[in-house]
Each structure stands twice: as structure tokens, then as C-alpha cells.
Amino acid sequence: MADEIKSLDALKDAVADAGGVAPAAEPAVPGKAAEVVAEAVVREPVRDELGRSYATGKRKDAVARVWIRPGSGKVVVNGKEIEKYFARPVLRMLLNQAFTVCGVEGQFDVKATVKGGGLSGQAGAVKHGISKALQLYEPSLRPALKAAGFLTRDSRVVERKKYGKRKARRSFQFSKR
């Protein structure tokens, strides 16, 4: 019994070291050796007939549709060059973070259409879309993007205004007399 538990723990450690999925279930019958087959998740690239990958990115009220394909690093947002659309350098840097983390700067062309929100939310939405499209185009980039937190949608949105309040939480000025 103790040998079986040790071997199961050794199997879990080996699977975790290999980057696979740990066994989900313990042996159903104690005393019998459990035959656990750990299958690593193999992701296939998702590309259309033109060799592009598509993803949708969201941030605040902004929604971005993003297509990436191999190219010279040209980024077009709503039909405009990135320097024209996102004039602030901070927003352009935000878009390039996904490429920097993966080490593929200047290797992909990006075409994005974005609606809703302000410029900051739109830049975050395009970044989210680029990250998702990159991991669909090249699944080996997923661990780096996941570790940087670029595949998770930032769920922070503006809080709604409540009745009896001036804003979401701000009260009207109190006057005793």
C-alpha cells in the first residue's frame, strides 16, 4: 500500500515536471495499483485560409477585433497607423508588451478594429486581443503570455451610480444648519 502511494506521488511529480496535466482521480480501490495515463494537452495552431489568427480582446467598455499574420510589424487600428491612432507613447508601449514578452517584435502584422470606451480602454482591448491571437497562432507562446497575465481579461469596470448619491459612492454635501 505504501509503495503504491509513493509510486503515485512519483508519477504526479514526473507529470508536473514534464508540464502535463496531473492525474485527476486517486485509485478507486485501495490496495490495487492504479493505471493513470497522463495526457499532455497538445494545442494546434488556429489559422484561417489567409494564414491569419483572429481573437477578440476586451477592456472596460472597449471591444477589439484583432487579426495577426506574419509580416514586418505593421500595426493598423481602425484603418490608421498606430502612431496616428494611439498618439501617447504609453499606449503604444502597452500594445507592444505582448510581442516583447514573447520575443517576436516586428514579426507580425496586426489589423484591429476597436469600438467603445476611451483610448486607454481601447489600447488594453487591443493588447488583450493581440495576446489571444498570438497564442492561437503559435501555441508555444501561451506559457509566456499566461505568466505575464495577458490572456486574462481585466474585469475592472466603472461602478454604477446609486440613487441617493451624487456619484457611485460620493454623497451630497451635509449641512447641519
N, C-alpha and C. Protein backbone atom coordinates (compact mmCIF):
# COMPACT_ATOMS: atom_id res chain seq x y z
N MET A 1 0.84 -1.20 0.00
CA MET A 1 0.00 0.00 0.00
C MET A 1 0.87 1.25 0.00
N ALA A 2 1.87 1.30 0.87
CA ALA A 2 2.74 2.46 0.96
C ALA A 2 3.55 2.62 -0.33
N ASP A 3 3.96 1.47 -0.93
CA ASP A 3 4.71 1.54 -2.18
C ASP A 3 3.86 2.12 -3.30
N GLU A 4 2.56 1.76 -3.30
CA GLU A 4 1.67 2.27 -4.35
C GLU A 4 1.47 3.77 -4.21
N ILE A 5 1.34 4.24 -2.97
CA ILE A 5 1.18 5.68 -2.74
C ILE A 5 2.43 6.43 -3.16
N LYS A 6 3.60 5.88 -2.84
CA LYS A 6 4.85 6.51 -3.23
C LYS A 6 4.97 6.57 -4.75
N SER A 7 4.58 5.45 -5.41
CA SER A 7 4.69 5.44 -6.87
C SER A 7 3.70 6.41 -7.50
N LEU A 8 2.51 6.57 -6.91
CA LEU A 8 1.53 7.53 -7.43
C LEU A 8 2.04 8.95 -7.25
N ASP A 9 2.64 9.25 -6.10
CA ASP A 9 3.22 10.57 -5.88
C ASP A 9 4.38 10.83 -6.84
N ALA A 10 5.18 9.81 -7.08
CA ALA A 10 6.29 9.96 -8.02
C ALA A 10 5.77 10.22 -9.43
N LEU A 11 4.66 9.57 -9.80
CA LEU A 11 4.06 9.77 -11.11
C LEU A 11 3.52 11.20 -11.24
N LYS A 12 2.87 11.68 -10.18
CA LYS A 12 2.36 13.06 -10.19
C LYS A 12 3.50 14.06 -10.35
N ASP A 13 4.62 13.83 -9.61
CA ASP A 13 5.76 14.73 -9.71
C ASP A 13 6.36 14.70 -11.12
N ALA A 14 6.45 13.51 -11.72
CA ALA A 14 7.01 13.39 -13.06
C ALA A 14 6.14 14.10 -14.08
N VAL A 15 4.84 13.97 -13.93
CA VAL A 15 3.92 14.63 -14.86
C VAL A 15 4.00 16.14 -14.71
N ALA A 16 4.08 16.62 -13.45
CA ALA A 16 4.17 18.06 -13.22
C ALA A 16 5.47 18.62 -13.77
N ASP A 17 6.58 17.86 -13.64
CA ASP A 17 7.86 18.31 -14.18
C ASP A 17 7.84 18.36 -15.70
N ALA A 18 7.09 17.45 -16.32
CA ALA A 18 7.02 17.40 -17.78
C ALA A 18 6.07 18.46 -18.33
N GLY A 19 5.33 19.15 -17.46
CA GLY A 19 4.43 20.20 -17.92
C GLY A 19 3.07 19.68 -18.33
N GLY A 20 2.78 18.45 -18.01
CA GLY A 20 1.50 17.86 -18.38
C GLY A 20 0.44 18.13 -17.33
N VAL A 21 -0.63 17.39 -17.43
CA VAL A 21 -1.74 17.53 -16.52
C VAL A 21 -1.62 16.45 -15.45
N ALA A 22 -1.75 16.81 -14.20
CA ALA A 22 -1.65 15.84 -13.11
C ALA A 22 -2.87 14.93 -13.12
N PRO A 23 -2.73 13.69 -12.66
CA PRO A 23 -3.88 12.80 -12.63
C PRO A 23 -5.01 13.37 -11.79
N ALA A 24 -6.22 13.24 -12.29
CA ALA A 24 -7.36 13.86 -11.63
C ALA A 24 -7.92 13.01 -10.50
N ALA A 25 -7.86 11.69 -10.65
CA ALA A 25 -8.52 10.83 -9.68
C ALA A 25 -7.52 9.95 -8.95
N GLU A 26 -7.78 9.71 -7.70
CA GLU A 26 -6.99 8.78 -6.91
C GLU A 26 -7.49 7.36 -7.23
N PRO A 27 -6.74 6.32 -6.86
CA PRO A 27 -7.21 4.96 -7.11
C PRO A 27 -8.55 4.72 -6.42
N ALA A 28 -9.48 4.12 -7.15
CA ALA A 28 -10.82 3.88 -6.61
C ALA A 28 -10.79 2.75 -5.58
N VAL A 29 -9.97 1.74 -5.81
CA VAL A 29 -9.90 0.61 -4.89
C VAL A 29 -8.55 0.64 -4.19
N PRO A 30 -8.56 0.83 -2.86
CA PRO A 30 -7.26 0.86 -2.16
C PRO A 30 -6.60 -0.51 -2.22
N GLY A 31 -5.31 -0.52 -2.37
CA GLY A 31 -4.58 -1.78 -2.43
C GLY A 31 -4.31 -2.23 -3.84
N LYS A 32 -4.98 -1.68 -4.81
CA LYS A 32 -4.74 -2.06 -6.20
C LYS A 32 -3.97 -0.93 -6.88
N ALA A 33 -3.09 -1.31 -7.77
CA ALA A 33 -2.31 -0.30 -8.48
C ALA A 33 -3.21 0.40 -9.50
N ALA A 34 -3.18 1.71 -9.46
CA ALA A 34 -4.00 2.48 -10.39
C ALA A 34 -3.18 2.78 -11.63
N GLU A 35 -3.80 2.53 -12.76
CA GLU A 35 -3.11 2.79 -14.01
C GLU A 35 -3.55 4.17 -14.49
N VAL A 36 -2.68 5.16 -14.29
CA VAL A 36 -3.02 6.53 -14.61
C VAL A 36 -2.22 6.94 -15.83
N VAL A 37 -2.93 7.35 -16.85
CA VAL A 37 -2.28 7.79 -18.07
C VAL A 37 -2.44 9.31 -18.14
N ALA A 38 -1.33 10.00 -18.06
CA ALA A 38 -1.37 11.46 -18.12
C ALA A 38 -1.14 11.90 -19.55
N GLU A 39 -2.14 12.55 -20.09
CA GLU A 39 -2.02 13.03 -21.46
C GLU A 39 -1.75 14.54 -21.42
N ALA A 40 -0.68 14.94 -22.04
CA ALA A 40 -0.37 16.37 -22.11
C ALA A 40 -1.31 17.01 -23.12
N VAL A 41 -1.76 18.21 -22.81
CA VAL A 41 -2.65 18.92 -23.71
C VAL A 41 -1.82 19.46 -24.88
N VAL A 42 -2.16 18.98 -26.07
CA VAL A 42 -1.46 19.42 -27.27
C VAL A 42 -2.39 20.37 -28.02
N ARG A 43 -1.94 21.62 -28.15
CA ARG A 43 -2.76 22.63 -28.83
C ARG A 43 -2.29 22.78 -30.27
N GLU A 44 -3.25 22.85 -31.17
CA GLU A 44 -2.96 23.04 -32.58
C GLU A 44 -3.09 24.52 -32.92
N PRO A 45 -2.28 25.03 -33.84
CA PRO A 45 -2.44 26.41 -34.27
C PRO A 45 -3.80 26.62 -34.95
N VAL A 46 -4.41 27.77 -34.70
CA VAL A 46 -5.70 28.10 -35.31
C VAL A 46 -5.46 29.26 -36.27
N ARG A 47 -5.55 28.95 -37.58
CA ARG A 47 -5.31 29.96 -38.62
C ARG A 47 -6.36 29.81 -39.70
N ASP A 48 -6.70 30.94 -40.35
CA ASP A 48 -7.66 30.88 -41.44
C ASP A 48 -6.94 30.60 -42.76
N GLU A 49 -7.70 30.62 -43.87
CA GLU A 49 -7.11 30.29 -45.18
C GLU A 49 -6.07 31.32 -45.64
N LEU A 50 -6.08 32.50 -45.05
CA LEU A 50 -5.09 33.53 -45.41
C LEU A 50 -3.87 33.50 -44.47
N GLY A 51 -3.82 32.55 -43.55
CA GLY A 51 -2.69 32.43 -42.64
C GLY A 51 -2.76 33.38 -41.46
N ARG A 52 -3.97 33.88 -41.14
CA ARG A 52 -4.14 34.82 -40.03
C ARG A 52 -4.77 34.11 -38.84
N SER A 53 -4.54 34.68 -37.66
CA SER A 53 -5.26 34.24 -36.46
C SER A 53 -6.10 35.40 -35.98
N TYR A 54 -7.30 35.08 -35.47
CA TYR A 54 -8.25 36.10 -35.04
C TYR A 54 -8.57 35.91 -33.57
N ALA A 55 -8.72 37.03 -32.85
CA ALA A 55 -9.16 36.97 -31.46
C ALA A 55 -9.87 38.27 -31.11
N THR A 56 -10.70 38.18 -30.08
CA THR A 56 -11.42 39.34 -29.58
C THR A 56 -10.84 39.71 -28.22
N GLY A 57 -10.50 40.99 -28.04
CA GLY A 57 -9.99 41.47 -26.77
C GLY A 57 -10.95 42.47 -26.17
N LYS A 58 -11.03 42.47 -24.84
CA LYS A 58 -11.95 43.39 -24.16
C LYS A 58 -11.26 44.05 -22.98
N ARG A 59 -11.66 45.30 -22.72
CA ARG A 59 -11.17 46.05 -21.56
C ARG A 59 -12.14 47.19 -21.32
N LYS A 60 -12.63 47.34 -20.10
CA LYS A 60 -13.64 48.33 -19.75
C LYS A 60 -14.82 48.20 -20.72
N ASP A 61 -15.16 49.25 -21.46
CA ASP A 61 -16.27 49.17 -22.41
C ASP A 61 -15.79 48.96 -23.84
N ALA A 62 -14.50 48.79 -24.04
CA ALA A 62 -13.93 48.66 -25.38
C ALA A 62 -13.87 47.19 -25.80
N VAL A 63 -14.18 46.95 -27.07
CA VAL A 63 -14.10 45.61 -27.65
C VAL A 63 -13.27 45.72 -28.92
N ALA A 64 -12.22 44.89 -29.02
CA ALA A 64 -11.32 44.94 -30.17
C ALA A 64 -11.34 43.60 -30.90
N ARG A 65 -11.47 43.68 -32.23
CA ARG A 65 -11.33 42.50 -33.08
C ARG A 65 -9.94 42.59 -33.70
N VAL A 66 -9.12 41.54 -33.50
CA VAL A 66 -7.71 41.60 -33.88
C VAL A 66 -7.36 40.42 -34.78
N TRP A 67 -6.69 40.73 -35.90
CA TRP A 67 -6.14 39.71 -36.79
C TRP A 67 -4.63 39.89 -36.83
N ILE A 68 -3.88 38.79 -36.69
CA ILE A 68 -2.43 38.86 -36.82
C ILE A 68 -1.98 37.89 -37.90
N ARG A 69 -0.88 38.25 -38.57
CA ARG A 69 -0.27 37.36 -39.56
C ARG A 69 1.21 37.70 -39.64
N PRO A 70 2.03 36.79 -40.11
CA PRO A 70 3.46 37.08 -40.21
C PRO A 70 3.69 38.28 -41.12
N GLY A 71 4.62 39.13 -40.73
CA GLY A 71 4.88 40.32 -41.53
C GLY A 71 6.04 41.12 -40.98
N SER A 72 5.95 42.44 -41.18
CA SER A 72 7.07 43.33 -40.83
C SER A 72 6.84 44.11 -39.54
N GLY A 73 5.74 43.85 -38.84
CA GLY A 73 5.48 44.55 -37.59
C GLY A 73 4.57 45.75 -37.74
N LYS A 74 3.85 45.84 -38.85
CA LYS A 74 2.95 46.97 -39.10
C LYS A 74 1.66 46.77 -38.29
N VAL A 75 1.25 47.82 -37.57
CA VAL A 75 0.04 47.76 -36.76
C VAL A 75 -0.94 48.81 -37.27
N VAL A 76 -2.15 48.37 -37.65
CA VAL A 76 -3.19 49.26 -38.14
C VAL A 76 -4.41 49.10 -37.24
N VAL A 77 -4.88 50.21 -36.66
CA VAL A 77 -6.06 50.20 -35.79
C VAL A 77 -7.12 51.10 -36.41
N ASN A 78 -8.27 50.54 -36.69
CA ASN A 78 -9.38 51.28 -37.32
C ASN A 78 -8.93 52.02 -38.58
N GLY A 79 -8.08 51.38 -39.38
CA GLY A 79 -7.64 51.97 -40.65
C GLY A 79 -6.54 53.00 -40.51
N LYS A 80 -6.05 53.27 -39.31
CA LYS A 80 -4.99 54.26 -39.11
C LYS A 80 -3.74 53.57 -38.56
N GLU A 81 -2.59 54.17 -38.85
CA GLU A 81 -1.34 53.67 -38.29
C GLU A 81 -1.37 53.85 -36.77
N ILE A 82 -0.60 53.04 -36.07
CA ILE A 82 -0.62 53.05 -34.61
C ILE A 82 -0.18 54.41 -34.06
N GLU A 83 0.76 55.09 -34.75
CA GLU A 83 1.24 56.39 -34.28
C GLU A 83 0.14 57.45 -34.36
N LYS A 84 -0.74 57.31 -35.34
CA LYS A 84 -1.83 58.28 -35.51
C LYS A 84 -2.97 57.99 -34.53
N TYR A 85 -3.32 56.70 -34.37
CA TYR A 85 -4.48 56.36 -33.55
C TYR A 85 -4.15 56.50 -32.07
N PHE A 86 -3.05 55.88 -31.63
CA PHE A 86 -2.62 55.98 -30.24
C PHE A 86 -1.43 56.93 -30.19
N ALA A 87 -1.71 58.23 -30.01
CA ALA A 87 -0.66 59.25 -30.06
C ALA A 87 0.27 59.19 -28.85
N ARG A 88 -0.27 58.78 -27.70
CA ARG A 88 0.56 58.73 -26.49
C ARG A 88 1.51 57.53 -26.53
N PRO A 89 2.79 57.73 -26.24
CA PRO A 89 3.76 56.62 -26.28
C PRO A 89 3.41 55.50 -25.29
N VAL A 90 2.78 55.84 -24.18
CA VAL A 90 2.43 54.82 -23.18
C VAL A 90 1.44 53.81 -23.77
N LEU A 91 0.49 54.28 -24.55
CA LEU A 91 -0.48 53.38 -25.16
C LEU A 91 0.15 52.49 -26.22
N ARG A 92 1.09 53.04 -26.98
CA ARG A 92 1.80 52.22 -27.98
C ARG A 92 2.66 51.17 -27.30
N MET A 93 3.29 51.56 -26.18
CA MET A 93 4.10 50.59 -25.43
C MET A 93 3.22 49.46 -24.88
N LEU A 94 2.00 49.81 -24.47
CA LEU A 94 1.06 48.82 -23.95
C LEU A 94 0.75 47.77 -25.01
N LEU A 95 0.58 48.21 -26.26
CA LEU A 95 0.28 47.27 -27.34
C LEU A 95 1.45 46.34 -27.62
N ASN A 96 2.66 46.86 -27.52
CA ASN A 96 3.84 46.07 -27.88
C ASN A 96 4.29 45.13 -26.76
N GLN A 97 3.68 45.21 -25.58
CA GLN A 97 4.10 44.36 -24.47
C GLN A 97 3.97 42.88 -24.79
N ALA A 98 2.89 42.49 -25.46
CA ALA A 98 2.68 41.08 -25.77
C ALA A 98 3.80 40.55 -26.67
N PHE A 99 4.20 41.35 -27.66
CA PHE A 99 5.28 40.93 -28.56
C PHE A 99 6.61 40.87 -27.82
N THR A 100 6.83 41.82 -26.91
CA THR A 100 8.09 41.87 -26.16
C THR A 100 8.24 40.66 -25.25
N VAL A 101 7.15 40.29 -24.56
CA VAL A 101 7.20 39.15 -23.65
C VAL A 101 7.52 37.87 -24.41
N CYS A 102 6.95 37.73 -25.61
CA CYS A 102 7.17 36.53 -26.41
C CYS A 102 8.47 36.57 -27.20
N GLY A 103 9.05 37.75 -27.33
CA GLY A 103 10.29 37.88 -28.10
C GLY A 103 10.06 37.82 -29.60
N VAL A 104 8.93 38.32 -30.07
CA VAL A 104 8.62 38.29 -31.50
C VAL A 104 8.34 39.70 -32.04
N GLU A 105 9.07 40.70 -31.56
CA GLU A 105 8.85 42.08 -32.00
C GLU A 105 9.14 42.18 -33.49
N GLY A 106 8.24 42.85 -34.21
CA GLY A 106 8.44 43.09 -35.63
C GLY A 106 8.23 41.89 -36.53
N GLN A 107 7.67 40.80 -36.02
CA GLN A 107 7.47 39.60 -36.83
C GLN A 107 6.03 39.40 -37.27
N PHE A 108 5.09 40.19 -36.71
CA PHE A 108 3.68 40.02 -37.04
C PHE A 108 3.06 41.35 -37.42
N ASP A 109 2.20 41.31 -38.45
CA ASP A 109 1.38 42.46 -38.80
C ASP A 109 0.06 42.33 -38.05
N VAL A 110 -0.46 43.46 -37.57
CA VAL A 110 -1.70 43.46 -36.79
C VAL A 110 -2.70 44.37 -37.47
N LYS A 111 -3.92 43.86 -37.63
CA LYS A 111 -5.04 44.68 -38.11
C LYS A 111 -6.11 44.57 -37.05
N ALA A 112 -6.53 45.71 -36.50
CA ALA A 112 -7.51 45.69 -35.42
C ALA A 112 -8.61 46.71 -35.69
N THR A 113 -9.82 46.33 -35.30
CA THR A 113 -10.93 47.28 -35.27
C THR A 113 -11.43 47.30 -33.84
N VAL A 114 -11.59 48.49 -33.29
CA VAL A 114 -11.96 48.62 -31.89
C VAL A 114 -13.09 49.62 -31.75
N LYS A 115 -14.04 49.28 -30.88
CA LYS A 115 -15.20 50.14 -30.65
C LYS A 115 -15.41 50.30 -29.16
N GLY A 116 -16.00 51.44 -28.77
CA GLY A 116 -16.39 51.65 -27.38
C GLY A 116 -15.25 52.12 -26.50
N GLY A 117 -15.61 52.72 -25.38
CA GLY A 117 -14.63 53.12 -24.38
C GLY A 117 -13.78 54.29 -24.82
N GLY A 118 -12.75 54.57 -24.05
CA GLY A 118 -11.80 55.63 -24.36
C GLY A 118 -10.51 55.04 -24.90
N LEU A 119 -9.52 55.88 -25.10
CA LEU A 119 -8.27 55.40 -25.69
C LEU A 119 -7.55 54.39 -24.81
N SER A 120 -7.54 54.61 -23.50
CA SER A 120 -6.86 53.70 -22.60
C SER A 120 -7.52 52.31 -22.62
N GLY A 121 -8.85 52.28 -22.56
CA GLY A 121 -9.56 51.01 -22.63
C GLY A 121 -9.38 50.33 -23.97
N GLN A 122 -9.35 51.14 -25.03
CA GLN A 122 -9.16 50.56 -26.36
C GLN A 122 -7.77 49.96 -26.51
N ALA A 123 -6.76 50.62 -25.96
CA ALA A 123 -5.40 50.08 -26.01
C ALA A 123 -5.32 48.77 -25.24
N GLY A 124 -5.96 48.70 -24.09
CA GLY A 124 -5.99 47.46 -23.32
C GLY A 124 -6.73 46.35 -24.04
N ALA A 125 -7.81 46.70 -24.75
CA ALA A 125 -8.57 45.71 -25.51
C ALA A 125 -7.75 45.16 -26.66
N VAL A 126 -7.03 46.03 -27.36
CA VAL A 126 -6.19 45.57 -28.47
C VAL A 126 -5.06 44.69 -27.95
N LYS A 127 -4.47 45.07 -26.82
CA LYS A 127 -3.41 44.24 -26.21
C LYS A 127 -3.94 42.86 -25.86
N HIS A 128 -5.13 42.81 -25.27
CA HIS A 128 -5.74 41.53 -24.92
C HIS A 128 -6.00 40.69 -26.18
N GLY A 129 -6.49 41.34 -27.23
CA GLY A 129 -6.75 40.63 -28.48
C GLY A 129 -5.47 40.13 -29.13
N ILE A 130 -4.42 40.95 -29.13
CA ILE A 130 -3.14 40.53 -29.69
C ILE A 130 -2.60 39.31 -28.95
N SER A 131 -2.69 39.34 -27.62
CA SER A 131 -2.19 38.23 -26.81
C SER A 131 -2.93 36.94 -27.12
N LYS A 132 -4.26 37.03 -27.21
CA LYS A 132 -5.06 35.84 -27.52
C LYS A 132 -4.77 35.33 -28.92
N ALA A 133 -4.62 36.24 -29.88
CA ALA A 133 -4.34 35.83 -31.25
C ALA A 133 -2.95 35.21 -31.37
N LEU A 134 -1.98 35.75 -30.64
CA LEU A 134 -0.62 35.18 -30.66
C LEU A 134 -0.62 33.74 -30.16
N GLN A 135 -1.33 33.50 -29.07
CA GLN A 135 -1.33 32.13 -28.53
C GLN A 135 -2.12 31.17 -29.42
N LEU A 136 -3.06 31.70 -30.21
CA LEU A 136 -3.75 30.84 -31.18
C LEU A 136 -2.86 30.56 -32.39
N TYR A 137 -2.11 31.57 -32.82
CA TYR A 137 -1.23 31.41 -33.97
C TYR A 137 -0.08 30.47 -33.64
N GLU A 138 0.54 30.67 -32.49
CA GLU A 138 1.68 29.85 -32.06
C GLU A 138 1.46 29.40 -30.63
N PRO A 139 0.91 28.19 -30.42
CA PRO A 139 0.58 27.72 -29.07
C PRO A 139 1.77 27.64 -28.11
N SER A 140 2.99 27.59 -28.63
CA SER A 140 4.16 27.52 -27.73
C SER A 140 4.39 28.84 -27.00
N LEU A 141 3.75 29.92 -27.44
CA LEU A 141 3.89 31.22 -26.78
C LEU A 141 2.95 31.35 -25.58
N ARG A 142 2.01 30.44 -25.43
CA ARG A 142 1.00 30.53 -24.37
C ARG A 142 1.58 30.64 -22.96
N PRO A 143 2.56 29.81 -22.56
CA PRO A 143 3.07 29.92 -21.18
C PRO A 143 3.63 31.30 -20.83
N ALA A 144 4.33 31.92 -21.78
CA ALA A 144 4.90 33.25 -21.50
C ALA A 144 3.79 34.29 -21.36
N LEU A 145 2.79 34.22 -22.23
CA LEU A 145 1.67 35.17 -22.17
C LEU A 145 0.84 34.95 -20.92
N LYS A 146 0.63 33.69 -20.55
CA LYS A 146 -0.16 33.36 -19.37
C LYS A 146 0.54 33.84 -18.10
N ALA A 147 1.87 33.62 -18.04
CA ALA A 147 2.63 34.03 -16.86
C ALA A 147 2.62 35.55 -16.71
N ALA A 148 2.61 36.28 -17.82
CA ALA A 148 2.58 37.74 -17.75
C ALA A 148 1.18 38.26 -17.46
N GLY A 149 0.16 37.40 -17.54
CA GLY A 149 -1.22 37.80 -17.24
C GLY A 149 -1.93 38.48 -18.39
N PHE A 150 -1.43 38.30 -19.62
CA PHE A 150 -2.02 38.98 -20.76
C PHE A 150 -3.23 38.26 -21.33
N LEU A 151 -3.46 37.01 -20.96
CA LEU A 151 -4.60 36.26 -21.50
C LEU A 151 -5.84 36.43 -20.64
N THR A 152 -5.70 37.03 -19.49
CA THR A 152 -6.83 37.23 -18.59
C THR A 152 -7.47 38.58 -18.86
N ARG A 153 -8.78 38.60 -19.01
CA ARG A 153 -9.49 39.85 -19.26
C ARG A 153 -9.52 40.64 -17.96
N ASP A 154 -9.13 41.91 -18.03
CA ASP A 154 -9.17 42.77 -16.86
C ASP A 154 -10.62 43.17 -16.63
N SER A 155 -11.23 42.64 -15.58
CA SER A 155 -12.68 42.78 -15.40
C SER A 155 -13.09 44.06 -14.70
N ARG A 156 -12.14 44.94 -14.40
CA ARG A 156 -12.50 46.18 -13.71
C ARG A 156 -13.26 47.12 -14.64
N VAL A 157 -14.43 47.53 -14.22
CA VAL A 157 -15.24 48.46 -15.00
C VAL A 157 -15.73 49.57 -14.06
N VAL A 158 -16.30 50.61 -14.64
CA VAL A 158 -16.78 51.74 -13.86
C VAL A 158 -17.98 51.30 -13.03
N GLU A 159 -17.96 51.68 -11.76
CA GLU A 159 -19.06 51.34 -10.86
C GLU A 159 -20.28 52.20 -11.17
N ARG A 160 -21.46 51.60 -11.08
CA ARG A 160 -22.67 52.34 -11.44
C ARG A 160 -23.05 53.33 -10.35
N LYS A 161 -23.77 54.37 -10.75
CA LYS A 161 -24.24 55.39 -9.82
C LYS A 161 -25.43 54.83 -9.04
N LYS A 162 -25.43 55.09 -7.73
CA LYS A 162 -26.54 54.65 -6.88
C LYS A 162 -27.47 55.82 -6.60
N TYR A 163 -28.75 55.50 -6.39
CA TYR A 163 -29.71 56.55 -6.06
C TYR A 163 -29.40 57.08 -4.67
N GLY A 164 -29.68 58.36 -4.44
CA GLY A 164 -29.38 58.97 -3.15
C GLY A 164 -27.93 59.39 -3.02
N LYS A 165 -27.13 59.17 -4.06
CA LYS A 165 -25.72 59.54 -4.05
C LYS A 165 -25.45 60.47 -5.22
N ARG A 166 -24.39 61.27 -5.08
CA ARG A 166 -24.04 62.18 -6.16
C ARG A 166 -23.34 61.44 -7.30
N LYS A 167 -22.48 60.48 -6.92
CA LYS A 167 -21.82 59.63 -7.90
C LYS A 167 -22.00 58.19 -7.41
N ALA A 168 -21.06 57.30 -7.72
CA ALA A 168 -21.21 55.92 -7.29
C ALA A 168 -21.17 55.79 -5.77
N ARG A 169 -20.27 56.54 -5.13
CA ARG A 169 -20.15 56.47 -3.67
C ARG A 169 -20.18 57.83 -3.01
N ARG A 170 -19.94 58.88 -3.75
CA ARG A 170 -19.87 60.23 -3.21
C ARG A 170 -21.25 60.70 -2.79
N SER A 171 -21.37 61.18 -1.55
CA SER A 171 -22.65 61.68 -1.05
C SER A 171 -22.77 63.18 -1.30
N PHE A 172 -23.97 63.67 -1.17
CA PHE A 172 -24.20 65.10 -1.26
C PHE A 172 -23.59 65.77 -0.03
N GLN A 173 -23.25 67.03 -0.13
CA GLN A 173 -22.63 67.74 0.99
C GLN A 173 -23.63 67.85 2.14
N PHE A 174 -23.15 67.53 3.34
CA PHE A 174 -24.02 67.56 4.51
C PHE A 174 -23.95 68.94 5.14
N SER A 175 -25.11 69.47 5.52
CA SER A 175 -25.16 70.76 6.21
C SER A 175 -26.03 70.60 7.44
N LYS A 176 -25.44 70.84 8.60
CA LYS A 176 -26.22 70.68 9.84
C LYS A 176 -27.21 71.82 10.00
N ARG A 177 -26.84 73.03 9.60
CA ARG A 177 -27.75 74.18 9.70
C ARG A 177 -27.85 74.90 8.38
